[in-house]
Amino acid sequence: MKTSTIKSKENAKEITYLISTIKTNKKVEIVNYKSDSKNNLIITLKNKSKENINANSLAIFKEGSKTGELIREKLNGLETKTFHLKTKINTKRKNILYIFEKQ
């Protein structure tokens, strides 16, 4: 499966799994994040702007990993949505994830 190159502006933010603080972006706010029984990431994102964010325009990368996962659903303006991703989370140590917006 080929993935397109994703360039980041200055809006890449990191989240840490063990610290339950809300990190914000210009357009996207991370409301909640946790893992399921198989250590997959479940993340809730909120669109802070009134503009729609198209499908496949946000990607989440785990620090140290060369492959990320595209968010394949559209986020409408001011909408909150939960995504179930296949990114593995280690619950015993700090996990840093980066959110990139496709240019």
PDB file of N, CA and C in Angstrom:
ATOM      1  N   MET A   1       0.839  -1.180   0.000  1.00  0.00           N
ATOM      2  CA  MET A   1       0.000   0.000   0.000  1.00  0.00           C
ATOM      3  C   MET A   1       0.882   1.241   0.000  1.00  0.00           C
ATOM      4  N   LYS A   2       0.673   2.092  -0.946  1.00  0.00           N
ATOM      5  CA  LYS A   2       1.457   3.323  -1.025  1.00  0.00           C
ATOM      6  C   LYS A   2       0.790   4.406  -0.204  1.00  0.00           C
ATOM      7  N   THR A   3       1.610   5.210   0.426  1.00  0.00           N
ATOM      8  CA  THR A   3       1.083   6.358   1.159  1.00  0.00           C
ATOM      9  C   THR A   3       1.707   7.610   0.587  1.00  0.00           C
ATOM     10  N   SER A   4       0.934   8.654   0.544  1.00  0.00           N
ATOM     11  CA  SER A   4       1.457   9.907   0.012  1.00  0.00           C
ATOM     12  C   SER A   4       2.290  10.614   1.078  1.00  0.00           C
ATOM     13  N   THR A   5       3.185  11.454   0.623  1.00  0.00           N
ATOM     14  CA  THR A   5       4.047  12.201   1.533  1.00  0.00           C
ATOM     15  C   THR A   5       3.222  13.242   2.277  1.00  0.00           C
ATOM     16  N   ILE A   6       3.431  13.318   3.566  1.00  0.00           N
ATOM     17  CA  ILE A   6       2.696  14.277   4.381  1.00  0.00           C
ATOM     18  C   ILE A   6       3.692  15.288   4.928  1.00  0.00           C
ATOM     19  N   LYS A   7       3.477  16.544   4.586  1.00  0.00           N
ATOM     20  CA  LYS A   7       4.358  17.612   5.051  1.00  0.00           C
ATOM     21  C   LYS A   7       3.697  18.293   6.236  1.00  0.00           C
ATOM     22  N   SER A   8       4.495  18.603   7.226  1.00  0.00           N
ATOM     23  CA  SER A   8       3.942  19.295   8.391  1.00  0.00           C
ATOM     24  C   SER A   8       4.298  20.762   8.302  1.00  0.00           C
ATOM     25  N   LYS A   9       3.386  21.588   8.769  1.00  0.00           N
ATOM     26  CA  LYS A   9       3.664  23.014   8.861  1.00  0.00           C
ATOM     27  C   LYS A   9       4.299  23.230  10.220  1.00  0.00           C
ATOM     28  N   GLU A  10       3.718  24.030  11.042  1.00  0.00           N
ATOM     29  CA  GLU A  10       4.185  24.151  12.413  1.00  0.00           C
ATOM     30  C   GLU A  10       3.095  23.698  13.356  1.00  0.00           C
ATOM     31  N   ASN A  11       2.136  22.922  12.838  1.00  0.00           N
ATOM     32  CA  ASN A  11       1.005  22.559  13.666  1.00  0.00           C
ATOM     33  C   ASN A  11       1.064  21.114  14.135  1.00  0.00           C
ATOM     34  N   ALA A  12       2.258  20.534  14.205  1.00  0.00           N
ATOM     35  CA  ALA A  12       2.402  19.190  14.756  1.00  0.00           C
ATOM     36  C   ALA A  12       2.448  19.310  16.270  1.00  0.00           C
ATOM     37  N   LYS A  13       1.609  18.564  16.920  1.00  0.00           N
ATOM     38  CA  LYS A  13       1.574  18.582  18.387  1.00  0.00           C
ATOM     39  C   LYS A  13       1.806  17.174  18.890  1.00  0.00           C
ATOM     40  N   GLU A  14       2.342  17.069  20.065  1.00  0.00           N
ATOM     41  CA  GLU A  14       2.594  15.760  20.632  1.00  0.00           C
ATOM     42  C   GLU A  14       1.646  15.524  21.788  1.00  0.00           C
ATOM     43  N   ILE A  15       1.275  14.274  21.974  1.00  0.00           N
ATOM     44  CA  ILE A  15       0.513  13.921  23.163  1.00  0.00           C
ATOM     45  C   ILE A  15       1.261  12.821  23.883  1.00  0.00           C
ATOM     46  N   THR A  16       1.122  12.787  25.160  1.00  0.00           N
ATOM     47  CA  THR A  16       1.732  11.763  25.982  1.00  0.00           C
ATOM     48  C   THR A  16       0.617  10.970  26.619  1.00  0.00           C
ATOM     49  N   TYR A  17       0.688   9.665  26.509  1.00  0.00           N
ATOM     50  CA  TYR A  17      -0.410   8.805  26.942  1.00  0.00           C
ATOM     51  C   TYR A  17      -0.629   8.880  28.440  1.00  0.00           C
ATOM     52  N   LEU A  18       0.432   8.954  29.224  1.00  0.00           N
ATOM     53  CA  LEU A  18       0.295   8.872  30.670  1.00  0.00           C
ATOM     54  C   LEU A  18      -0.073  10.200  31.327  1.00  0.00           C
ATOM     55  N   ILE A  19       0.051  11.285  30.604  1.00  0.00           N
ATOM     56  CA  ILE A  19      -0.280  12.595  31.163  1.00  0.00           C
ATOM     57  C   ILE A  19      -1.615  13.024  30.563  1.00  0.00           C
ATOM     58  N   SER A  20      -2.614  13.205  31.395  1.00  0.00           N
ATOM     59  CA  SER A  20      -3.960  13.460  30.884  1.00  0.00           C
ATOM     60  C   SER A  20      -4.238  14.951  30.746  1.00  0.00           C
ATOM     61  N   THR A  21      -3.410  15.630  29.975  1.00  0.00           N
ATOM     62  CA  THR A  21      -3.649  17.036  29.680  1.00  0.00           C
ATOM     63  C   THR A  21      -4.114  17.157  28.241  1.00  0.00           C
ATOM     64  N   ILE A  22      -4.845  18.195  27.967  1.00  0.00           N
ATOM     65  CA  ILE A  22      -5.355  18.402  26.614  1.00  0.00           C
ATOM     66  C   ILE A  22      -4.371  19.293  25.864  1.00  0.00           C
ATOM     67  N   LYS A  23      -3.843  18.771  24.773  1.00  0.00           N
ATOM     68  CA  LYS A  23      -2.960  19.544  23.915  1.00  0.00           C
ATOM     69  C   LYS A  23      -3.808  20.093  22.767  1.00  0.00           C
ATOM     70  N   THR A  24      -3.522  21.293  22.325  1.00  0.00           N
ATOM     71  CA  THR A  24      -4.347  21.906  21.296  1.00  0.00           C
ATOM     72  C   THR A  24      -3.538  22.207  20.051  1.00  0.00           C
ATOM     73  N   ASN A  25      -4.233  22.318  18.973  1.00  0.00           N
ATOM     74  CA  ASN A  25      -3.697  22.652  17.680  1.00  0.00           C
ATOM     75  C   ASN A  25      -4.523  23.834  17.189  1.00  0.00           C
ATOM     76  N   LYS A  26      -4.112  24.486  16.121  1.00  0.00           N
ATOM     77  CA  LYS A  26      -4.899  25.591  15.598  1.00  0.00           C
ATOM     78  C   LYS A  26      -6.280  25.126  15.164  1.00  0.00           C
ATOM     79  N   LYS A  27      -6.355  23.942  14.569  1.00  0.00           N
ATOM     80  CA  LYS A  27      -7.628  23.447  14.052  1.00  0.00           C
ATOM     81  C   LYS A  27      -8.196  22.290  14.860  1.00  0.00           C
ATOM     82  N   VAL A  28      -7.349  21.450  15.416  1.00  0.00           N
ATOM     83  CA  VAL A  28      -7.803  20.204  16.041  1.00  0.00           C
ATOM     84  C   VAL A  28      -7.452  20.205  17.522  1.00  0.00           C
ATOM     85  N   GLU A  29      -8.385  19.765  18.344  1.00  0.00           N
ATOM     86  CA  GLU A  29      -8.150  19.619  19.781  1.00  0.00           C
ATOM     87  C   GLU A  29      -8.314  18.151  20.143  1.00  0.00           C
ATOM     88  N   ILE A  30      -7.392  17.636  20.943  1.00  0.00           N
ATOM     89  CA  ILE A  30      -7.474  16.259  21.415  1.00  0.00           C
ATOM     90  C   ILE A  30      -8.294  16.267  22.697  1.00  0.00           C
ATOM     91  N   VAL A  31      -9.484  15.684  22.638  1.00  0.00           N
ATOM     92  CA  VAL A  31     -10.382  15.692  23.783  1.00  0.00           C
ATOM     93  C   VAL A  31     -10.047  14.550  24.732  1.00  0.00           C
ATOM     94  N   ASN A  32      -9.829  13.355  24.190  1.00  0.00           N
ATOM     95  CA  ASN A  32      -9.597  12.172  25.016  1.00  0.00           C
ATOM     96  C   ASN A  32      -8.767  11.171  24.224  1.00  0.00           C
ATOM     97  N   TYR A  33      -7.949  10.402  24.916  1.00  0.00           N
ATOM     98  CA  TYR A  33      -7.211   9.318  24.274  1.00  0.00           C
ATOM     99  C   TYR A  33      -6.984   8.217  25.287  1.00  0.00           C
ATOM    100  N   LYS A  34      -7.099   6.976  24.829  1.00  0.00           N
ATOM    101  CA  LYS A  34      -6.927   5.802  25.688  1.00  0.00           C
ATOM    102  C   LYS A  34      -6.593   4.622  24.803  1.00  0.00           C
ATOM    103  N   SER A  35      -6.429   3.456  25.411  1.00  0.00           N
ATOM    104  CA  SER A  35      -6.168   2.248  24.634  1.00  0.00           C
ATOM    105  C   SER A  35      -7.245   1.223  24.937  1.00  0.00           C
ATOM    106  N   ASP A  36      -7.478   0.333  23.969  1.00  0.00           N
ATOM    107  CA  ASP A  36      -8.440  -0.738  24.187  1.00  0.00           C
ATOM    108  C   ASP A  36      -7.720  -1.963  24.742  1.00  0.00           C
ATOM    109  N   SER A  37      -8.397  -3.101  24.784  1.00  0.00           N
ATOM    110  CA  SER A  37      -7.813  -4.306  25.379  1.00  0.00           C
ATOM    111  C   SER A  37      -6.618  -4.839  24.585  1.00  0.00           C
ATOM    112  N   LYS A  38      -6.522  -4.505  23.301  1.00  0.00           N
ATOM    113  CA  LYS A  38      -5.396  -4.954  22.472  1.00  0.00           C
ATOM    114  C   LYS A  38      -4.334  -3.872  22.321  1.00  0.00           C
ATOM    115  N   ASN A  39      -4.364  -2.859  23.188  1.00  0.00           N
ATOM    116  CA  ASN A  39      -3.414  -1.738  23.194  1.00  0.00           C
ATOM    117  C   ASN A  39      -3.465  -0.893  21.926  1.00  0.00           C
ATOM    118  N   ASN A  40      -4.591  -0.892  21.217  1.00  0.00           N
ATOM    119  CA  ASN A  40      -4.779   0.008  20.086  1.00  0.00           C
ATOM    120  C   ASN A  40      -5.244   1.365  20.596  1.00  0.00           C
ATOM    121  N   LEU A  41      -4.896   2.410  19.875  1.00  0.00           N
ATOM    122  CA  LEU A  41      -5.215   3.771  20.286  1.00  0.00           C
ATOM    123  C   LEU A  41      -6.656   4.122  19.935  1.00  0.00           C
ATOM    124  N   ILE A  42      -7.374   4.674  20.908  1.00  0.00           N
ATOM    125  CA  ILE A  42      -8.700   5.243  20.691  1.00  0.00           C
ATOM    126  C   ILE A  42      -8.571   6.720  21.032  1.00  0.00           C
ATOM    127  N   ILE A  43      -8.796   7.576  20.047  1.00  0.00           N
ATOM    128  CA  ILE A  43      -8.584   9.011  20.233  1.00  0.00           C
ATOM    129  C   ILE A  43      -9.836   9.777  19.822  1.00  0.00           C
ATOM    130  N   THR A  44     -10.178  10.795  20.602  1.00  0.00           N
ATOM    131  CA  THR A  44     -11.316  11.656  20.297  1.00  0.00           C
ATOM    132  C   THR A  44     -10.781  13.027  19.917  1.00  0.00           C
ATOM    133  N   LEU A  45     -11.119  13.459  18.706  1.00  0.00           N
ATOM    134  CA  LEU A  45     -10.655  14.743  18.192  1.00  0.00           C
ATOM    135  C   LEU A  45     -11.836  15.689  18.010  1.00  0.00           C
ATOM    136  N   LYS A  46     -11.578  16.970  18.225  1.00  0.00           N
ATOM    137  CA  LYS A  46     -12.603  17.996  18.026  1.00  0.00           C
ATOM    138  C   LYS A  46     -12.075  19.016  17.036  1.00  0.00           C
ATOM    139  N   ASN A  47     -12.876  19.314  16.028  1.00  0.00           N
ATOM    140  CA  ASN A  47     -12.534  20.347  15.060  1.00  0.00           C
ATOM    141  C   ASN A  47     -12.894  21.698  15.670  1.00  0.00           C
ATOM    142  N   LYS A  48     -11.911  22.562  15.888  1.00  0.00           N
ATOM    143  CA  LYS A  48     -12.137  23.847  16.542  1.00  0.00           C
ATOM    144  C   LYS A  48     -12.553  24.941  15.571  1.00  0.00           C
ATOM    145  N   SER A  49     -12.296  24.742  14.303  1.00  0.00           N
ATOM    146  CA  SER A  49     -12.644  25.770  13.325  1.00  0.00           C
ATOM    147  C   SER A  49     -13.989  25.430  12.683  1.00  0.00           C
ATOM    148  N   LYS A  50     -14.544  26.391  11.972  1.00  0.00           N
ATOM    149  CA  LYS A  50     -15.814  26.161  11.278  1.00  0.00           C
ATOM    150  C   LYS A  50     -15.594  25.514   9.921  1.00  0.00           C
ATOM    151  N   GLU A  51     -14.339  25.400   9.505  1.00  0.00           N
ATOM    152  CA  GLU A  51     -14.023  24.767   8.222  1.00  0.00           C
ATOM    153  C   GLU A  51     -14.008  23.257   8.386  1.00  0.00           C
ATOM    154  N   ASN A  52     -14.409  22.547   7.342  1.00  0.00           N
ATOM    155  CA  ASN A  52     -14.370  21.091   7.363  1.00  0.00           C
ATOM    156  C   ASN A  52     -12.943  20.611   7.139  1.00  0.00           C
ATOM    157  N   ILE A  53     -12.593  19.515   7.789  1.00  0.00           N
ATOM    158  CA  ILE A  53     -11.309  18.854   7.553  1.00  0.00           C
ATOM    159  C   ILE A  53     -11.622  17.607   6.745  1.00  0.00           C
ATOM    160  N   ASN A  54     -11.079  17.527   5.544  1.00  0.00           N
ATOM    161  CA  ASN A  54     -11.406  16.438   4.631  1.00  0.00           C
ATOM    162  C   ASN A  54     -10.871  15.103   5.120  1.00  0.00           C
ATOM    163  N   ALA A  55     -11.451  14.036   4.588  1.00  0.00           N
ATOM    164  CA  ALA A  55     -10.970  12.689   4.882  1.00  0.00           C
ATOM    165  C   ALA A  55      -9.550  12.546   4.340  1.00  0.00           C
ATOM    166  N   ASN A  56      -8.742  11.762   5.000  1.00  0.00           N
ATOM    167  CA  ASN A  56      -7.350  11.490   4.631  1.00  0.00           C
ATOM    168  C   ASN A  56      -6.458  12.731   4.683  1.00  0.00           C
ATOM    169  N   SER A  57      -6.844  13.761   5.427  1.00  0.00           N
ATOM    170  CA  SER A  57      -5.981  14.939   5.505  1.00  0.00           C
ATOM    171  C   SER A  57      -5.277  15.059   6.856  1.00  0.00           C
ATOM    172  N   LEU A  58      -5.618  14.217   7.822  1.00  0.00           N
ATOM    173  CA  LEU A  58      -4.912  14.175   9.100  1.00  0.00           C
ATOM    174  C   LEU A  58      -4.218  12.828   9.231  1.00  0.00           C
ATOM    175  N   ALA A  59      -3.018  12.841   9.792  1.00  0.00           N
ATOM    176  CA  ALA A  59      -2.281  11.600  10.017  1.00  0.00           C
ATOM    177  C   ALA A  59      -1.676  11.625  11.413  1.00  0.00           C
ATOM    178  N   ILE A  60      -1.602  10.454  12.030  1.00  0.00           N
ATOM    179  CA  ILE A  60      -1.015  10.318  13.362  1.00  0.00           C
ATOM    180  C   ILE A  60       0.201   9.413  13.248  1.00  0.00           C
ATOM    181  N   PHE A  61       1.345   9.915  13.725  1.00  0.00           N
ATOM    182  CA  PHE A  61       2.588   9.157  13.721  1.00  0.00           C
ATOM    183  C   PHE A  61       3.046   8.947  15.151  1.00  0.00           C
ATOM    184  N   LYS A  62       3.536   7.762  15.450  1.00  0.00           N
ATOM    185  CA  LYS A  62       4.131   7.480  16.747  1.00  0.00           C
ATOM    186  C   LYS A  62       5.618   7.805  16.654  1.00  0.00           C
ATOM    187  N   GLU A  63       6.170   8.399  17.713  1.00  0.00           N
ATOM    188  CA  GLU A  63       7.580   8.775  17.696  1.00  0.00           C
ATOM    189  C   GLU A  63       8.446   7.535  17.522  1.00  0.00           C
ATOM    190  N   GLY A  64       9.406   7.611  16.615  1.00  0.00           N
ATOM    191  CA  GLY A  64      10.294   6.499  16.351  1.00  0.00           C
ATOM    192  C   GLY A  64       9.791   5.560  15.273  1.00  0.00           C
ATOM    193  N   SER A  65       8.588   5.784  14.785  1.00  0.00           N
ATOM    194  CA  SER A  65       8.019   4.936  13.745  1.00  0.00           C
ATOM    195  C   SER A  65       7.999   5.707  12.434  1.00  0.00           C
ATOM    196  N   LYS A  66       8.330   5.028  11.345  1.00  0.00           N
ATOM    197  CA  LYS A  66       8.359   5.688  10.049  1.00  0.00           C
ATOM    198  C   LYS A  66       7.003   5.663   9.361  1.00  0.00           C
ATOM    199  N   THR A  67       6.114   4.817   9.824  1.00  0.00           N
ATOM    200  CA  THR A  67       4.792   4.739   9.217  1.00  0.00           C
ATOM    201  C   THR A  67       3.756   5.299  10.174  1.00  0.00           C
ATOM    202  N   GLY A  68       2.804   5.999   9.621  1.00  0.00           N
ATOM    203  CA  GLY A  68       1.726   6.571  10.411  1.00  0.00           C
ATOM    204  C   GLY A  68       0.397   6.017   9.952  1.00  0.00           C
ATOM    205  N   GLU A  69      -0.655   6.580  10.485  1.00  0.00           N
ATOM    206  CA  GLU A  69      -1.986   6.135  10.115  1.00  0.00           C
ATOM    207  C   GLU A  69      -2.837   7.339   9.752  1.00  0.00           C
ATOM    208  N   LEU A  70      -3.458   7.262   8.567  1.00  0.00           N
ATOM    209  CA  LEU A  70      -4.336   8.328   8.123  1.00  0.00           C
ATOM    210  C   LEU A  70      -5.679   8.216   8.822  1.00  0.00           C
ATOM    211  N   ILE A  71      -6.263   9.350   9.143  1.00  0.00           N
ATOM    212  CA  ILE A  71      -7.635   9.372   9.650  1.00  0.00           C
ATOM    213  C   ILE A  71      -8.527   9.482   8.428  1.00  0.00           C
ATOM    214  N   ARG A  72      -9.268   8.423   8.160  1.00  0.00           N
ATOM    215  CA  ARG A  72      -9.981   8.279   6.897  1.00  0.00           C
ATOM    216  C   ARG A  72     -11.389   8.857   6.901  1.00  0.00           C
ATOM    217  N   GLU A  73     -11.760   9.548   7.955  1.00  0.00           N
ATOM    218  CA  GLU A  73     -13.095  10.134   8.018  1.00  0.00           C
ATOM    219  C   GLU A  73     -13.000  11.651   8.018  1.00  0.00           C
ATOM    220  N   LYS A  74     -14.072  12.267   7.549  1.00  0.00           N
ATOM    221  CA  LYS A  74     -14.150  13.723   7.483  1.00  0.00           C
ATOM    222  C   LYS A  74     -14.582  14.273   8.839  1.00  0.00           C
ATOM    223  N   LEU A  75     -13.989  15.387   9.238  1.00  0.00           N
ATOM    224  CA  LEU A  75     -14.401  16.101  10.445  1.00  0.00           C
ATOM    225  C   LEU A  75     -15.070  17.400  10.015  1.00  0.00           C
ATOM    226  N   ASN A  76     -16.360  17.522  10.275  1.00  0.00           N
ATOM    227  CA  ASN A  76     -17.079  18.748   9.938  1.00  0.00           C
ATOM    228  C   ASN A  76     -16.709  19.851  10.920  1.00  0.00           C
ATOM    229  N   GLY A  77     -17.100  21.062  10.615  1.00  0.00           N
ATOM    230  CA  GLY A  77     -16.799  22.194  11.479  1.00  0.00           C
ATOM    231  C   GLY A  77     -17.405  22.043  12.859  1.00  0.00           C
ATOM    232  N   LEU A  78     -16.597  22.271  13.901  1.00  0.00           N
ATOM    233  CA  LEU A  78     -16.998  22.204  15.310  1.00  0.00           C
ATOM    234  C   LEU A  78     -17.550  20.841  15.718  1.00  0.00           C
ATOM    235  N   GLU A  79     -17.136  19.779  15.039  1.00  0.00           N
ATOM    236  CA  GLU A  79     -17.612  18.424  15.336  1.00  0.00           C
ATOM    237  C   GLU A  79     -16.592  17.677  16.195  1.00  0.00           C
ATOM    238  N   THR A  80     -17.088  16.786  17.055  1.00  0.00           N
ATOM    239  CA  THR A  80     -16.244  15.907  17.865  1.00  0.00           C
ATOM    240  C   THR A  80     -16.485  14.479  17.413  1.00  0.00           C
ATOM    241  N   LYS A  81     -15.397  13.731  17.169  1.00  0.00           N
ATOM    242  CA  LYS A  81     -15.531  12.369  16.664  1.00  0.00           C
ATOM    243  C   LYS A  81     -14.454  11.485  17.277  1.00  0.00           C
ATOM    244  N   THR A  82     -14.805  10.219  17.533  1.00  0.00           N
ATOM    245  CA  THR A  82     -13.870   9.242  18.094  1.00  0.00           C
ATOM    246  C   THR A  82     -13.363   8.338  16.982  1.00  0.00           C
ATOM    247  N   PHE A  83     -12.047   8.070  16.999  1.00  0.00           N
ATOM    248  CA  PHE A  83     -11.416   7.231  15.988  1.00  0.00           C
ATOM    249  C   PHE A  83     -10.726   6.055  16.667  1.00  0.00           C
ATOM    250  N   HIS A  84     -10.891   4.861  16.105  1.00  0.00           N
ATOM    251  CA  HIS A  84     -10.211   3.657  16.577  1.00  0.00           C
ATOM    252  C   HIS A  84      -9.078   3.379  15.596  1.00  0.00           C
ATOM    253  N   LEU A  85      -7.838   3.540  16.056  1.00  0.00           N
ATOM    254  CA  LEU A  85      -6.672   3.379  15.192  1.00  0.00           C
ATOM    255  C   LEU A  85      -5.923   2.106  15.555  1.00  0.00           C
ATOM    256  N   LYS A  86      -5.139   1.605  14.614  1.00  0.00           N
ATOM    257  CA  LYS A  86      -4.372   0.379  14.839  1.00  0.00           C
ATOM    258  C   LYS A  86      -2.981   0.657  15.390  1.00  0.00           C
ATOM    259  N   THR A  87      -2.711   1.889  15.770  1.00  0.00           N
ATOM    260  CA  THR A  87      -1.426   2.256  16.356  1.00  0.00           C
ATOM    261  C   THR A  87      -1.316   1.643  17.743  1.00  0.00           C
ATOM    262  N   LYS A  88      -0.268   0.873  17.984  1.00  0.00           N
ATOM    263  CA  LYS A  88      -0.084   0.203  19.272  1.00  0.00           C
ATOM    264  C   LYS A  88       0.461   1.186  20.301  1.00  0.00           C
ATOM    265  N   ILE A  89      -0.077   1.113  21.508  1.00  0.00           N
ATOM    266  CA  ILE A  89       0.318   1.982  22.609  1.00  0.00           C
ATOM    267  C   ILE A  89       0.905   1.120  23.716  1.00  0.00           C
ATOM    268  N   ASN A  90       2.062   1.532  24.225  1.00  0.00           N
ATOM    269  CA  ASN A  90       2.663   0.854  25.368  1.00  0.00           C
ATOM    270  C   ASN A  90       2.161   1.548  26.626  1.00  0.00           C
ATOM    271  N   THR A  91       1.356   0.849  27.422  1.00  0.00           N
ATOM    272  CA  THR A  91       0.735   1.475  28.591  1.00  0.00           C
ATOM    273  C   THR A  91       1.693   1.619  29.759  1.00  0.00           C
ATOM    274  N   LYS A  92       2.876   1.011  29.695  1.00  0.00           N
ATOM    275  CA  LYS A  92       3.816   1.065  30.813  1.00  0.00           C
ATOM    276  C   LYS A  92       4.840   2.192  30.688  1.00  0.00           C
ATOM    277  N   ARG A  93       4.863   2.869  29.559  1.00  0.00           N
ATOM    278  CA  ARG A  93       5.813   3.972  29.405  1.00  0.00           C
ATOM    279  C   ARG A  93       5.191   5.085  28.576  1.00  0.00           C
ATOM    280  N   LYS A  94       5.926   6.166  28.455  1.00  0.00           N
ATOM    281  CA  LYS A  94       5.454   7.353  27.754  1.00  0.00           C
ATOM    282  C   LYS A  94       5.380   7.099  26.253  1.00  0.00           C
ATOM    283  N   ASN A  95       4.279   7.511  25.648  1.00  0.00           N
ATOM    284  CA  ASN A  95       4.099   7.421  24.203  1.00  0.00           C
ATOM    285  C   ASN A  95       3.918   8.829  23.658  1.00  0.00           C
ATOM    286  N   ILE A  96       4.672   9.171  22.631  1.00  0.00           N
ATOM    287  CA  ILE A  96       4.538  10.485  22.009  1.00  0.00           C
ATOM    288  C   ILE A  96       4.013  10.275  20.598  1.00  0.00           C
ATOM    289  N   LEU A  97       2.903  10.935  20.307  1.00  0.00           N
ATOM    290  CA  LEU A  97       2.277  10.848  18.995  1.00  0.00           C
ATOM    291  C   LEU A  97       2.259  12.233  18.371  1.00  0.00           C
ATOM    292  N   TYR A  98       2.396  12.284  17.049  1.00  0.00           N
ATOM    293  CA  TYR A  98       2.380  13.545  16.324  1.00  0.00           C
ATOM    294  C   TYR A  98       1.196  13.545  15.373  1.00  0.00           C
ATOM    295  N   ILE A  99       0.477  14.665  15.325  1.00  0.00           N
ATOM    296  CA  ILE A  99      -0.632  14.822  14.389  1.00  0.00           C
ATOM    297  C   ILE A  99      -0.187  15.797  13.311  1.00  0.00           C
ATOM    298  N   PHE A 100      -0.283  15.369  12.053  1.00  0.00           N
ATOM    299  CA  PHE A 100       0.097  16.204  10.926  1.00  0.00           C
ATOM    300  C   PHE A 100      -1.126  16.458  10.060  1.00  0.00           C
ATOM    301  N   GLU A 101      -1.191  17.650   9.519  1.00  0.00           N
ATOM    302  CA  GLU A 101      -2.234  17.976   8.558  1.00  0.00           C
ATOM    303  C   GLU A 101      -1.615  17.993   7.178  1.00  0.00           C
ATOM    304  N   LYS A 102      -2.260  17.321   6.246  1.00  0.00           N
ATOM    305  CA  LYS A 102      -1.767  17.240   4.881  1.00  0.00           C
ATOM    306  C   LYS A 102      -1.917  18.604   4.211  1.00  0.00           C
ATOM    307  N   GLN A 103      -0.886  19.020   3.518  1.00  0.00           N
ATOM    308  CA  GLN A 103      -0.904  20.349   2.883  1.00  0.00           C
ATOM    309  C   GLN A 103      -1.514  20.276   1.507  1.00  0.00           C
TER     310      GLN A 103
END
